[in-house]
Amino acid sequence: MAYNTNPSNPNEDHNRRLYNPYQDLQLPIQTLYKLPTSPEFLFSEESLSQRRSWGENLTYYTGIGYLSGSLAGAGKGLVEGIKASENGDSVKLKVNRMLNGSGHTGRRLGNRAGVMGLL
């Protein structure tokens, strides 16, 4: 969308709103910008096309589900690994319990959330 270069045609201004970036400063500057109220596209063909296809949405939601489930499961597994450690355990054994718990629970919850995103 181009700015209205013809002030005699008010129809080109109906998709714009006035914006003063200095309004909170209470300065005597009265700079107003005409900002669009709808998304702008470089080419008109972009406005006609959909954003994502169903396959892209499927991939996106499956990936987001797996990632969020894995992170939540890793956090839960870390807490379970800390609780499972005993007083006589060495540092290596405690770290091993935390990593095993994070990996196992993260993988399990990640797969479940990924399937939910797939559905």
PDB file of N, CA and C in Angstrom:
ATOM      1  N   MET A   1       0.826  -1.172   0.000  1.00  0.00           N
ATOM      2  CA  MET A   1       0.000   0.000   0.000  1.00  0.00           C
ATOM      3  C   MET A   1       0.874   1.241   0.000  1.00  0.00           C
ATOM      4  N   ALA A   2       0.563   2.150  -0.812  1.00  0.00           N
ATOM      5  CA  ALA A   2       1.308   3.400  -0.877  1.00  0.00           C
ATOM      6  C   ALA A   2       0.547   4.468  -0.105  1.00  0.00           C
ATOM      7  N   TYR A   3       1.282   5.465   0.347  1.00  0.00           N
ATOM      8  CA  TYR A   3       0.637   6.577   1.032  1.00  0.00           C
ATOM      9  C   TYR A   3      -0.200   7.375   0.054  1.00  0.00           C
ATOM     10  N   ASN A   4      -1.174   8.048   0.585  1.00  0.00           N
ATOM     11  CA  ASN A   4      -2.062   8.852  -0.229  1.00  0.00           C
ATOM     12  C   ASN A   4      -1.297  10.086  -0.703  1.00  0.00           C
ATOM     13  N   THR A   5      -0.939  10.087  -1.968  1.00  0.00           N
ATOM     14  CA  THR A   5      -0.208  11.228  -2.514  1.00  0.00           C
ATOM     15  C   THR A   5      -1.152  12.247  -3.120  1.00  0.00           C
ATOM     16  N   ASN A   6      -2.408  11.891  -3.218  1.00  0.00           N
ATOM     17  CA  ASN A   6      -3.401  12.776  -3.791  1.00  0.00           C
ATOM     18  C   ASN A   6      -4.364  13.192  -2.680  1.00  0.00           C
ATOM     19  N   PRO A   7      -4.176  14.386  -2.081  1.00  0.00           N
ATOM     20  CA  PRO A   7      -5.032  14.788  -0.969  1.00  0.00           C
ATOM     21  C   PRO A   7      -6.467  15.062  -1.386  1.00  0.00           C
ATOM     22  N   SER A   8      -6.718  15.193  -2.672  1.00  0.00           N
ATOM     23  CA  SER A   8      -8.086  15.452  -3.104  1.00  0.00           C
ATOM     24  C   SER A   8      -8.929  14.187  -3.112  1.00  0.00           C
ATOM     25  N   ASN A   9      -8.299  13.018  -2.964  1.00  0.00           N
ATOM     26  CA  ASN A   9      -9.024  11.757  -2.955  1.00  0.00           C
ATOM     27  C   ASN A   9      -9.050  11.205  -1.525  1.00  0.00           C
ATOM     28  N   PRO A  10     -10.113  11.456  -0.763  1.00  0.00           N
ATOM     29  CA  PRO A  10     -10.144  11.008   0.639  1.00  0.00           C
ATOM     30  C   PRO A  10     -10.397   9.516   0.776  1.00  0.00           C
ATOM     31  N   ASN A  11     -10.770   8.820  -0.290  1.00  0.00           N
ATOM     32  CA  ASN A  11     -11.046   7.386  -0.197  1.00  0.00           C
ATOM     33  C   ASN A  11      -9.801   6.571   0.098  1.00  0.00           C
ATOM     34  N   GLU A  12      -8.652   7.098  -0.234  1.00  0.00           N
ATOM     35  CA  GLU A  12      -7.415   6.367   0.014  1.00  0.00           C
ATOM     36  C   GLU A  12      -7.002   6.429   1.479  1.00  0.00           C
ATOM     37  N   ASP A  13      -7.590   7.314   2.277  1.00  0.00           N
ATOM     38  CA  ASP A  13      -7.221   7.466   3.681  1.00  0.00           C
ATOM     39  C   ASP A  13      -8.100   6.659   4.626  1.00  0.00           C
ATOM     40  N   HIS A  14      -9.101   5.951   4.151  1.00  0.00           N
ATOM     41  CA  HIS A  14     -10.018   5.277   5.058  1.00  0.00           C
ATOM     42  C   HIS A  14      -9.382   4.067   5.741  1.00  0.00           C
ATOM     43  N   ASN A  15      -8.258   3.561   5.256  1.00  0.00           N
ATOM     44  CA  ASN A  15      -7.582   2.421   5.873  1.00  0.00           C
ATOM     45  C   ASN A  15      -6.383   2.848   6.709  1.00  0.00           C
ATOM     46  N   ARG A  16      -6.355   4.095   7.112  1.00  0.00           N
ATOM     47  CA  ARG A  16      -5.205   4.606   7.855  1.00  0.00           C
ATOM     48  C   ARG A  16      -5.675   5.294   9.123  1.00  0.00           C
ATOM     49  N   ARG A  17      -4.785   5.321  10.104  1.00  0.00           N
ATOM     50  CA  ARG A  17      -5.072   6.041  11.346  1.00  0.00           C
ATOM     51  C   ARG A  17      -3.927   7.003  11.620  1.00  0.00           C
ATOM     52  N   LEU A  18      -4.228   8.094  12.270  1.00  0.00           N
ATOM     53  CA  LEU A  18      -3.205   9.078  12.588  1.00  0.00           C
ATOM     54  C   LEU A  18      -2.469   8.650  13.850  1.00  0.00           C
ATOM     55  N   TYR A  19      -1.167   8.866  13.862  1.00  0.00           N
ATOM     56  CA  TYR A  19      -0.338   8.460  14.985  1.00  0.00           C
ATOM     57  C   TYR A  19       0.674   9.553  15.265  1.00  0.00           C
ATOM     58  N   ASN A  20       0.743   9.985  16.519  1.00  0.00           N
ATOM     59  CA  ASN A  20       1.716  10.978  16.946  1.00  0.00           C
ATOM     60  C   ASN A  20       2.676  10.296  17.912  1.00  0.00           C
ATOM     61  N   PRO A  21       3.929  10.040  17.505  1.00  0.00           N
ATOM     62  CA  PRO A  21       4.858   9.330  18.384  1.00  0.00           C
ATOM     63  C   PRO A  21       5.296  10.142  19.597  1.00  0.00           C
ATOM     64  N   TYR A  22       5.034  11.450  19.604  1.00  0.00           N
ATOM     65  CA  TYR A  22       5.474  12.316  20.690  1.00  0.00           C
ATOM     66  C   TYR A  22       4.326  12.711  21.614  1.00  0.00           C
ATOM     67  N   GLN A  23       3.199  12.018  21.559  1.00  0.00           N
ATOM     68  CA  GLN A  23       2.035  12.428  22.328  1.00  0.00           C
ATOM     69  C   GLN A  23       2.249  12.308  23.836  1.00  0.00           C
ATOM     70  N   ASP A  24       3.048  11.355  24.294  1.00  0.00           N
ATOM     71  CA  ASP A  24       3.278  11.196  25.724  1.00  0.00           C
ATOM     72  C   ASP A  24       4.290  12.192  26.283  1.00  0.00           C
ATOM     73  N   LEU A  25       5.071  12.813  25.430  1.00  0.00           N
ATOM     74  CA  LEU A  25       6.086  13.760  25.883  1.00  0.00           C
ATOM     75  C   LEU A  25       5.537  15.161  26.097  1.00  0.00           C
ATOM     76  N   GLN A  26       4.346  15.423  25.636  1.00  0.00           N
ATOM     77  CA  GLN A  26       3.676  16.716  25.756  1.00  0.00           C
ATOM     78  C   GLN A  26       4.547  17.845  25.214  1.00  0.00           C
ATOM     79  N   LEU A  27       5.075  17.643  24.025  1.00  0.00           N
ATOM     80  CA  LEU A  27       5.875  18.645  23.344  1.00  0.00           C
ATOM     81  C   LEU A  27       5.010  19.383  22.338  1.00  0.00           C
ATOM     82  N   PRO A  28       5.449  20.549  21.935  1.00  0.00           N
ATOM     83  CA  PRO A  28       4.653  21.281  20.943  1.00  0.00           C
ATOM     84  C   PRO A  28       4.766  20.702  19.532  1.00  0.00           C
ATOM     85  N   ILE A  29       5.521  19.643  19.379  1.00  0.00           N
ATOM     86  CA  ILE A  29       5.688  19.027  18.063  1.00  0.00           C
ATOM     87  C   ILE A  29       4.392  18.322  17.691  1.00  0.00           C
ATOM     88  N   GLN A  30       3.907  18.558  16.520  1.00  0.00           N
ATOM     89  CA  GLN A  30       2.661  17.936  16.063  1.00  0.00           C
ATOM     90  C   GLN A  30       2.924  17.093  14.824  1.00  0.00           C
ATOM     91  N   THR A  31       3.836  16.154  14.923  1.00  0.00           N
ATOM     92  CA  THR A  31       4.140  15.279  13.805  1.00  0.00           C
ATOM     93  C   THR A  31       3.147  14.123  13.816  1.00  0.00           C
ATOM     94  N   LEU A  32       2.364  14.016  12.765  1.00  0.00           N
ATOM     95  CA  LEU A  32       1.398  12.944  12.655  1.00  0.00           C
ATOM     96  C   LEU A  32       1.785  12.044  11.491  1.00  0.00           C
ATOM     97  N   TYR A  33       1.678  10.761  11.712  1.00  0.00           N
ATOM     98  CA  TYR A  33       1.940   9.787  10.668  1.00  0.00           C
ATOM     99  C   TYR A  33       0.658   9.046  10.361  1.00  0.00           C
ATOM    100  N   LYS A  34       0.482   8.708   9.121  1.00  0.00           N
ATOM    101  CA  LYS A  34      -0.684   7.940   8.710  1.00  0.00           C
ATOM    102  C   LYS A  34      -0.283   6.473   8.631  1.00  0.00           C
ATOM    103  N   LEU A  35      -0.683   5.694   9.638  1.00  0.00           N
ATOM    104  CA  LEU A  35      -0.333   4.283   9.706  1.00  0.00           C
ATOM    105  C   LEU A  35      -1.496   3.439   9.200  1.00  0.00           C
ATOM    106  N   PRO A  36      -1.201   2.354   8.533  1.00  0.00           N
ATOM    107  CA  PRO A  36      -2.280   1.496   8.029  1.00  0.00           C
ATOM    108  C   PRO A  36      -2.963   0.739   9.163  1.00  0.00           C
ATOM    109  N   THR A  37      -4.220   0.432   8.990  1.00  0.00           N
ATOM    110  CA  THR A  37      -4.964  -0.344   9.977  1.00  0.00           C
ATOM    111  C   THR A  37      -5.067  -1.810   9.582  1.00  0.00           C
ATOM    112  N   SER A  38      -4.671  -2.149   8.382  1.00  0.00           N
ATOM    113  CA  SER A  38      -4.696  -3.533   7.926  1.00  0.00           C
ATOM    114  C   SER A  38      -3.278  -3.942   7.529  1.00  0.00           C
ATOM    115  N   PRO A  39      -3.005  -5.252   7.440  1.00  0.00           N
ATOM    116  CA  PRO A  39      -1.658  -5.695   7.063  1.00  0.00           C
ATOM    117  C   PRO A  39      -1.264  -5.198   5.675  1.00  0.00           C
ATOM    118  N   GLU A  40      -0.004  -4.861   5.539  1.00  0.00           N
ATOM    119  CA  GLU A  40       0.502  -4.412   4.248  1.00  0.00           C
ATOM    120  C   GLU A  40       1.230  -5.558   3.568  1.00  0.00           C
ATOM    121  N   PHE A  41       1.100  -5.611   2.263  1.00  0.00           N
ATOM    122  CA  PHE A  41       1.784  -6.627   1.475  1.00  0.00           C
ATOM    123  C   PHE A  41       2.553  -5.939   0.364  1.00  0.00           C
ATOM    124  N   LEU A  42       3.700  -6.509   0.025  1.00  0.00           N
ATOM    125  CA  LEU A  42       4.506  -5.951  -1.041  1.00  0.00           C
ATOM    126  C   LEU A  42       3.837  -6.159  -2.386  1.00  0.00           C
ATOM    127  N   PHE A  43       3.277  -7.334  -2.591  1.00  0.00           N
ATOM    128  CA  PHE A  43       2.579  -7.642  -3.834  1.00  0.00           C
ATOM    129  C   PHE A  43       1.137  -8.001  -3.506  1.00  0.00           C
ATOM    130  N   SER A  44       0.232  -7.707  -4.398  1.00  0.00           N
ATOM    131  CA  SER A  44      -1.175  -7.980  -4.143  1.00  0.00           C
ATOM    132  C   SER A  44      -1.460  -9.480  -4.084  1.00  0.00           C
ATOM    133  N   GLU A  45      -0.619 -10.310  -4.712  1.00  0.00           N
ATOM    134  CA  GLU A  45      -0.820 -11.753  -4.679  1.00  0.00           C
ATOM    135  C   GLU A  45      -0.637 -12.315  -3.267  1.00  0.00           C
ATOM    136  N   GLU A  46       0.195 -11.650  -2.463  1.00  0.00           N
ATOM    137  CA  GLU A  46       0.430 -12.123  -1.106  1.00  0.00           C
ATOM    138  C   GLU A  46      -0.823 -12.012  -0.252  1.00  0.00           C
ATOM    139  N   SER A  47      -1.633 -11.014  -0.498  1.00  0.00           N
ATOM    140  CA  SER A  47      -2.833 -10.840   0.304  1.00  0.00           C
ATOM    141  C   SER A  47      -3.886 -11.880  -0.033  1.00  0.00           C
ATOM    142  N   LEU A  48      -3.807 -12.494  -1.208  1.00  0.00           N
ATOM    143  CA  LEU A  48      -4.788 -13.476  -1.612  1.00  0.00           C
ATOM    144  C   LEU A  48      -4.449 -14.887  -1.142  1.00  0.00           C
ATOM    145  N   SER A  49      -3.182 -15.145  -0.858  1.00  0.00           N
ATOM    146  CA  SER A  49      -2.764 -16.492  -0.491  1.00  0.00           C
ATOM    147  C   SER A  49      -2.955 -16.726   1.007  1.00  0.00           C
ATOM    148  N   GLN A  50      -3.095 -17.995   1.379  1.00  0.00           N
ATOM    149  CA  GLN A  50      -3.206 -18.348   2.782  1.00  0.00           C
ATOM    150  C   GLN A  50      -1.829 -18.271   3.423  1.00  0.00           C
ATOM    151  N   ARG A  51      -1.828 -18.154   4.711  1.00  0.00           N
ATOM    152  CA  ARG A  51      -0.563 -18.071   5.432  1.00  0.00           C
ATOM    153  C   ARG A  51       0.169 -19.405   5.445  1.00  0.00           C
ATOM    154  N   ARG A  52      -0.486 -20.457   5.920  1.00  0.00           N
ATOM    155  CA  ARG A  52       0.142 -21.773   5.965  1.00  0.00           C
ATOM    156  C   ARG A  52      -0.845 -22.793   5.423  1.00  0.00           C
ATOM    157  N   SER A  53      -0.326 -23.786   4.768  1.00  0.00           N
ATOM    158  CA  SER A  53      -1.183 -24.872   4.284  1.00  0.00           C
ATOM    159  C   SER A  53      -1.461 -25.825   5.450  1.00  0.00           C
ATOM    160  N   TRP A  54      -2.331 -26.796   5.225  1.00  0.00           N
ATOM    161  CA  TRP A  54      -2.666 -27.736   6.296  1.00  0.00           C
ATOM    162  C   TRP A  54      -1.452 -28.585   6.662  1.00  0.00           C
ATOM    163  N   GLY A  55      -0.604 -28.893   5.677  1.00  0.00           N
ATOM    164  CA  GLY A  55       0.607 -29.668   5.962  1.00  0.00           C
ATOM    165  C   GLY A  55       1.598 -28.876   6.801  1.00  0.00           C
ATOM    166  N   GLU A  56       1.706 -27.593   6.518  1.00  0.00           N
ATOM    167  CA  GLU A  56       2.598 -26.760   7.320  1.00  0.00           C
ATOM    168  C   GLU A  56       2.072 -26.607   8.732  1.00  0.00           C
ATOM    169  N   ASN A  57       0.738 -26.438   8.868  1.00  0.00           N
ATOM    170  CA  ASN A  57       0.142 -26.370  10.205  1.00  0.00           C
ATOM    171  C   ASN A  57       0.344 -27.676  10.962  1.00  0.00           C
ATOM    172  N   LEU A  58       0.224 -28.798  10.284  1.00  0.00           N
ATOM    173  CA  LEU A  58       0.421 -30.100  10.909  1.00  0.00           C
ATOM    174  C   LEU A  58       1.845 -30.222  11.447  1.00  0.00           C
ATOM    175  N   THR A  59       2.796 -29.852  10.617  1.00  0.00           N
ATOM    176  CA  THR A  59       4.195 -29.909  11.031  1.00  0.00           C
ATOM    177  C   THR A  59       4.475 -28.939  12.171  1.00  0.00           C
ATOM    178  N   TYR A  60       3.926 -27.736  12.074  1.00  0.00           N
ATOM    179  CA  TYR A  60       4.160 -26.697  13.093  1.00  0.00           C
ATOM    180  C   TYR A  60       3.613 -27.135  14.447  1.00  0.00           C
ATOM    181  N   TYR A  61       2.347 -27.563  14.484  1.00  0.00           N
ATOM    182  CA  TYR A  61       1.745 -27.922  15.765  1.00  0.00           C
ATOM    183  C   TYR A  61       2.338 -29.201  16.346  1.00  0.00           C
ATOM    184  N   THR A  62       2.754 -30.127  15.504  1.00  0.00           N
ATOM    185  CA  THR A  62       3.417 -31.320  16.011  1.00  0.00           C
ATOM    186  C   THR A  62       4.764 -30.945  16.629  1.00  0.00           C
ATOM    187  N   GLY A  63       5.509 -30.100  15.956  1.00  0.00           N
ATOM    188  CA  GLY A  63       6.813 -29.679  16.475  1.00  0.00           C
ATOM    189  C   GLY A  63       6.713 -28.874  17.748  1.00  0.00           C
ATOM    190  N   ILE A  64       5.752 -27.951  17.786  1.00  0.00           N
ATOM    191  CA  ILE A  64       5.567 -27.142  18.993  1.00  0.00           C
ATOM    192  C   ILE A  64       5.121 -28.031  20.153  1.00  0.00           C
ATOM    193  N   GLY A  65       4.236 -28.980  19.874  1.00  0.00           N
ATOM    194  CA  GLY A  65       3.787 -29.905  20.923  1.00  0.00           C
ATOM    195  C   GLY A  65       4.921 -30.749  21.451  1.00  0.00           C
ATOM    196  N   TYR A  66       5.745 -31.275  20.544  1.00  0.00           N
ATOM    197  CA  TYR A  66       6.865 -32.111  20.985  1.00  0.00           C
ATOM    198  C   TYR A  66       7.872 -31.290  21.794  1.00  0.00           C
ATOM    199  N   LEU A  67       8.178 -30.097  21.326  1.00  0.00           N
ATOM    200  CA  LEU A  67       9.153 -29.255  22.021  1.00  0.00           C
ATOM    201  C   LEU A  67       8.661 -28.868  23.407  1.00  0.00           C
ATOM    202  N   SER A  68       7.419 -28.417  23.501  1.00  0.00           N
ATOM    203  CA  SER A  68       6.912 -28.001  24.812  1.00  0.00           C
ATOM    204  C   SER A  68       6.768 -29.203  25.748  1.00  0.00           C
ATOM    205  N   GLY A  69       6.320 -30.336  25.228  1.00  0.00           N
ATOM    206  CA  GLY A  69       6.221 -31.537  26.062  1.00  0.00           C
ATOM    207  C   GLY A  69       7.583 -32.018  26.529  1.00  0.00           C
ATOM    208  N   SER A  70       8.571 -31.928  25.656  1.00  0.00           N
ATOM    209  CA  SER A  70       9.924 -32.352  26.040  1.00  0.00           C
ATOM    210  C   SER A  70      10.503 -31.454  27.119  1.00  0.00           C
ATOM    211  N   LEU A  71      10.279 -30.162  26.994  1.00  0.00           N
ATOM    212  CA  LEU A  71      10.794 -29.236  28.011  1.00  0.00           C
ATOM    213  C   LEU A  71      10.092 -29.439  29.353  1.00  0.00           C
ATOM    214  N   ALA A  72       8.776 -29.599  29.311  1.00  0.00           N
ATOM    215  CA  ALA A  72       8.048 -29.833  30.557  1.00  0.00           C
ATOM    216  C   ALA A  72       8.448 -31.173  31.177  1.00  0.00           C
ATOM    217  N   GLY A  73       8.597 -32.185  30.353  1.00  0.00           N
ATOM    218  CA  GLY A  73       9.001 -33.494  30.851  1.00  0.00           C
ATOM    219  C   GLY A  73      10.416 -33.493  31.386  1.00  0.00           C
ATOM    220  N   ALA A  74      11.304 -32.737  30.746  1.00  0.00           N
ATOM    221  CA  ALA A  74      12.673 -32.659  31.239  1.00  0.00           C
ATOM    222  C   ALA A  74      12.712 -31.990  32.607  1.00  0.00           C
ATOM    223  N   GLY A  75      11.907 -30.961  32.787  1.00  0.00           N
ATOM    224  CA  GLY A  75      11.843 -30.310  34.095  1.00  0.00           C
ATOM    225  C   GLY A  75      11.276 -31.236  35.160  1.00  0.00           C
ATOM    226  N   LYS A  76      10.216 -31.953  34.814  1.00  0.00           N
ATOM    227  CA  LYS A  76       9.613 -32.905  35.752  1.00  0.00           C
ATOM    228  C   LYS A  76      10.589 -34.036  36.069  1.00  0.00           C
ATOM    229  N   GLY A  77      11.285 -34.552  35.051  1.00  0.00           N
ATOM    230  CA  GLY A  77      12.258 -35.610  35.269  1.00  0.00           C
ATOM    231  C   GLY A  77      13.437 -35.145  36.103  1.00  0.00           C
ATOM    232  N   LEU A  78      13.822 -33.888  35.953  1.00  0.00           N
ATOM    233  CA  LEU A  78      14.916 -33.338  36.754  1.00  0.00           C
ATOM    234  C   LEU A  78      14.534 -33.316  38.225  1.00  0.00           C
ATOM    235  N   VAL A  79      13.307 -32.891  38.508  1.00  0.00           N
ATOM    236  CA  VAL A  79      12.839 -32.872  39.894  1.00  0.00           C
ATOM    237  C   VAL A  79      12.753 -34.286  40.447  1.00  0.00           C
ATOM    238  N   GLU A  80      12.248 -35.219  39.644  1.00  0.00           N
ATOM    239  CA  GLU A  80      12.177 -36.616  40.098  1.00  0.00           C
ATOM    240  C   GLU A  80      13.571 -37.194  40.334  1.00  0.00           C
ATOM    241  N   GLY A  81      14.530 -36.835  39.479  1.00  0.00           N
ATOM    242  CA  GLY A  81      15.906 -37.307  39.665  1.00  0.00           C
ATOM    243  C   GLY A  81      16.539 -36.744  40.914  1.00  0.00           C
ATOM    244  N   ILE A  82      16.222 -35.511  41.252  1.00  0.00           N
ATOM    245  CA  ILE A  82      16.758 -34.918  42.485  1.00  0.00           C
ATOM    246  C   ILE A  82      16.150 -35.602  43.708  1.00  0.00           C
ATOM    247  N   LYS A  83      14.845 -35.882  43.647  1.00  0.00           N
ATOM    248  CA  LYS A  83      14.174 -36.551  44.769  1.00  0.00           C
ATOM    249  C   LYS A  83      14.647 -37.987  44.940  1.00  0.00           C
ATOM    250  N   ALA A  84      15.036 -38.636  43.853  1.00  0.00           N
ATOM    251  CA  ALA A  84      15.446 -40.043  43.915  1.00  0.00           C
ATOM    252  C   ALA A  84      16.875 -40.212  44.427  1.00  0.00           C
ATOM    253  N   SER A  85      17.644 -39.133  44.479  1.00  0.00           N
ATOM    254  CA  SER A  85      19.029 -39.275  44.937  1.00  0.00           C
ATOM    255  C   SER A  85      19.051 -39.554  46.443  1.00  0.00           C
ATOM    256  N   GLU A  86      20.029 -40.349  46.833  1.00  0.00           N
ATOM    257  CA  GLU A  86      20.164 -40.750  48.232  1.00  0.00           C
ATOM    258  C   GLU A  86      21.356 -40.047  48.851  1.00  0.00           C
ATOM    259  N   ASN A  87      21.470 -40.129  50.150  1.00  0.00           N
ATOM    260  CA  ASN A  87      22.523 -39.411  50.867  1.00  0.00           C
ATOM    261  C   ASN A  87      23.917 -39.911  50.512  1.00  0.00           C
ATOM    262  N   GLY A  88      24.098 -41.191  50.279  1.00  0.00           N
ATOM    263  CA  GLY A  88      25.416 -41.745  50.029  1.00  0.00           C
ATOM    264  C   GLY A  88      25.853 -41.684  48.575  1.00  0.00           C
ATOM    265  N   ASP A  89      25.057 -41.114  47.708  1.00  0.00           N
ATOM    266  CA  ASP A  89      25.391 -41.069  46.279  1.00  0.00           C
ATOM    267  C   ASP A  89      26.503 -40.072  45.991  1.00  0.00           C
ATOM    268  N   SER A  90      27.349 -40.427  45.022  1.00  0.00           N
ATOM    269  CA  SER A  90      28.387 -39.496  44.597  1.00  0.00           C
ATOM    270  C   SER A  90      27.768 -38.458  43.656  1.00  0.00           C
ATOM    271  N   VAL A  91      28.531 -37.443  43.334  1.00  0.00           N
ATOM    272  CA  VAL A  91      28.042 -36.373  42.456  1.00  0.00           C
ATOM    273  C   VAL A  91      27.746 -36.933  41.064  1.00  0.00           C
ATOM    274  N   LYS A  92      28.594 -37.831  40.586  1.00  0.00           N
ATOM    275  CA  LYS A  92      28.381 -38.436  39.269  1.00  0.00           C
ATOM    276  C   LYS A  92      27.078 -39.221  39.236  1.00  0.00           C
ATOM    277  N   LEU A  93      26.796 -39.942  40.299  1.00  0.00           N
ATOM    278  CA  LEU A  93      25.574 -40.726  40.354  1.00  0.00           C
ATOM    279  C   LEU A  93      24.336 -39.838  40.431  1.00  0.00           C
ATOM    280  N   LYS A  94      24.422 -38.738  41.179  1.00  0.00           N
ATOM    281  CA  LYS A  94      23.306 -37.792  41.251  1.00  0.00           C
ATOM    282  C   LYS A  94      23.035 -37.145  39.894  1.00  0.00           C
ATOM    283  N   VAL A  95      24.097 -36.744  39.217  1.00  0.00           N
ATOM    284  CA  VAL A  95      23.940 -36.140  37.889  1.00  0.00           C
ATOM    285  C   VAL A  95      23.368 -37.158  36.917  1.00  0.00           C
ATOM    286  N   ASN A  96      23.826 -38.400  37.006  1.00  0.00           N
ATOM    287  CA  ASN A  96      23.326 -39.459  36.138  1.00  0.00           C
ATOM    288  C   ASN A  96      21.830 -39.694  36.369  1.00  0.00           C
ATOM    289  N   ARG A  97      21.398 -39.697  37.634  1.00  0.00           N
ATOM    290  CA  ARG A  97      19.973 -39.869  37.926  1.00  0.00           C
ATOM    291  C   ARG A  97      19.148 -38.709  37.344  1.00  0.00           C
ATOM    292  N   MET A  98      19.660 -37.492  37.482  1.00  0.00           N
ATOM    293  CA  MET A  98      18.933 -36.328  36.960  1.00  0.00           C
ATOM    294  C   MET A  98      18.842 -36.383  35.439  1.00  0.00           C
ATOM    295  N   LEU A  99      19.934 -36.724  34.769  1.00  0.00           N
ATOM    296  CA  LEU A  99      19.927 -36.793  33.306  1.00  0.00           C
ATOM    297  C   LEU A  99      19.030 -37.923  32.804  1.00  0.00           C
ATOM    298  N   ASN A 100      19.090 -39.076  33.466  1.00  0.00           N
ATOM    299  CA  ASN A 100      18.230 -40.191  33.064  1.00  0.00           C
ATOM    300  C   ASN A 100      16.760 -39.857  33.270  1.00  0.00           C
ATOM    301  N   GLY A 101      16.438 -39.238  34.400  1.00  0.00           N
ATOM    302  CA  GLY A 101      15.054 -38.864  34.672  1.00  0.00           C
ATOM    303  C   GLY A 101      14.556 -37.810  33.690  1.00  0.00           C
ATOM    304  N   SER A 102      15.404 -36.833  33.377  1.00  0.00           N
ATOM    305  CA  SER A 102      15.020 -35.792  32.422  1.00  0.00           C
ATOM    306  C   SER A 102      14.818 -36.368  31.031  1.00  0.00           C
ATOM    307  N   GLY A 103      15.714 -37.223  30.622  1.00  0.00           N
ATOM    308  CA  GLY A 103      15.606 -37.806  29.286  1.00  0.00           C
ATOM    309  C   GLY A 103      14.408 -38.717  29.141  1.00  0.00           C
ATOM    310  N   HIS A 104      14.179 -39.560  30.145  1.00  0.00           N
ATOM    311  CA  HIS A 104      13.072 -40.518  30.062  1.00  0.00           C
ATOM    312  C   HIS A 104      11.720 -39.802  30.108  1.00  0.00           C
ATOM    313  N   THR A 105      11.515 -38.930  31.077  1.00  0.00           N
ATOM    314  CA  THR A 105      10.230 -38.245  31.214  1.00  0.00           C
ATOM    315  C   THR A 105      10.023 -37.230  30.097  1.00  0.00           C
ATOM    316  N   GLY A 106      11.087 -36.549  29.690  1.00  0.00           N
ATOM    317  CA  GLY A 106      10.975 -35.590  28.595  1.00  0.00           C
ATOM    318  C   GLY A 106      10.599 -36.249  27.286  1.00  0.00           C
ATOM    319  N   ARG A 107      11.194 -37.383  27.021  1.00  0.00           N
ATOM    320  CA  ARG A 107      10.886 -38.119  25.794  1.00  0.00           C
ATOM    321  C   ARG A 107       9.439 -38.610  25.802  1.00  0.00           C
ATOM    322  N   ARG A 108       9.008 -39.112  26.948  1.00  0.00           N
ATOM    323  CA  ARG A 108       7.648 -39.653  27.072  1.00  0.00           C
ATOM    324  C   ARG A 108       6.600 -38.549  26.907  1.00  0.00           C
ATOM    325  N   LEU A 109       6.753 -37.435  27.629  1.00  0.00           N
ATOM    326  CA  LEU A 109       5.784 -36.338  27.520  1.00  0.00           C
ATOM    327  C   LEU A 109       5.871 -35.634  26.166  1.00  0.00           C
ATOM    328  N   GLY A 110       7.077 -35.543  25.620  1.00  0.00           N
ATOM    329  CA  GLY A 110       7.236 -34.932  24.307  1.00  0.00           C
ATOM    330  C   GLY A 110       6.508 -35.703  23.225  1.00  0.00           C
ATOM    331  N   ASN A 111       6.615 -37.022  23.260  1.00  0.00           N
ATOM    332  CA  ASN A 111       5.904 -37.845  22.278  1.00  0.00           C
ATOM    333  C   ASN A 111       4.396 -37.719  22.434  1.00  0.00           C
ATOM    334  N   ARG A 112       3.917 -37.679  23.676  1.00  0.00           N
ATOM    335  CA  ARG A 112       2.469 -37.543  23.882  1.00  0.00           C
ATOM    336  C   ARG A 112       1.964 -36.192  23.377  1.00  0.00           C
ATOM    337  N   ALA A 113       2.685 -35.130  23.700  1.00  0.00           N
ATOM    338  CA  ALA A 113       2.249 -33.793  23.255  1.00  0.00           C
ATOM    339  C   ALA A 113       2.374 -33.655  21.731  1.00  0.00           C
ATOM    340  N   GLY A 114       3.391 -34.298  21.149  1.00  0.00           N
ATOM    341  CA  GLY A 114       3.523 -34.272  19.684  1.00  0.00           C
ATOM    342  C   GLY A 114       2.371 -34.962  18.996  1.00  0.00           C
ATOM    343  N   VAL A 115       1.913 -36.062  19.566  1.00  0.00           N
ATOM    344  CA  VAL A 115       0.753 -36.755  19.001  1.00  0.00           C
ATOM    345  C   VAL A 115      -0.495 -35.893  19.136  1.00  0.00           C
ATOM    346  N   MET A 116      -0.627 -35.192  20.234  1.00  0.00           N
ATOM    347  CA  MET A 116      -1.778 -34.282  20.394  1.00  0.00           C
ATOM    348  C   MET A 116      -1.734 -33.180  19.340  1.00  0.00           C
ATOM    349  N   GLY A 117      -0.556 -32.656  19.060  1.00  0.00           N
ATOM    350  CA  GLY A 117      -0.427 -31.663  17.983  1.00  0.00           C
ATOM    351  C   GLY A 117      -0.721 -32.245  16.620  1.00  0.00           C
ATOM    352  N   LEU A 118      -0.382 -33.508  16.434  1.00  0.00           N
ATOM    353  CA  LEU A 118      -0.660 -34.184  15.168  1.00  0.00           C
ATOM    354  C   LEU A 118      -2.157 -34.370  14.971  1.00  0.00           C
ATOM    355  N   LEU A 119      -2.836 -34.667  16.047  1.00  0.00           N
ATOM    356  CA  LEU A 119      -4.292 -34.863  15.947  1.00  0.00           C
ATOM    357  C   LEU A 119      -4.981 -33.531  15.768  1.00  0.00           C
TER     358      LEU A 119
END
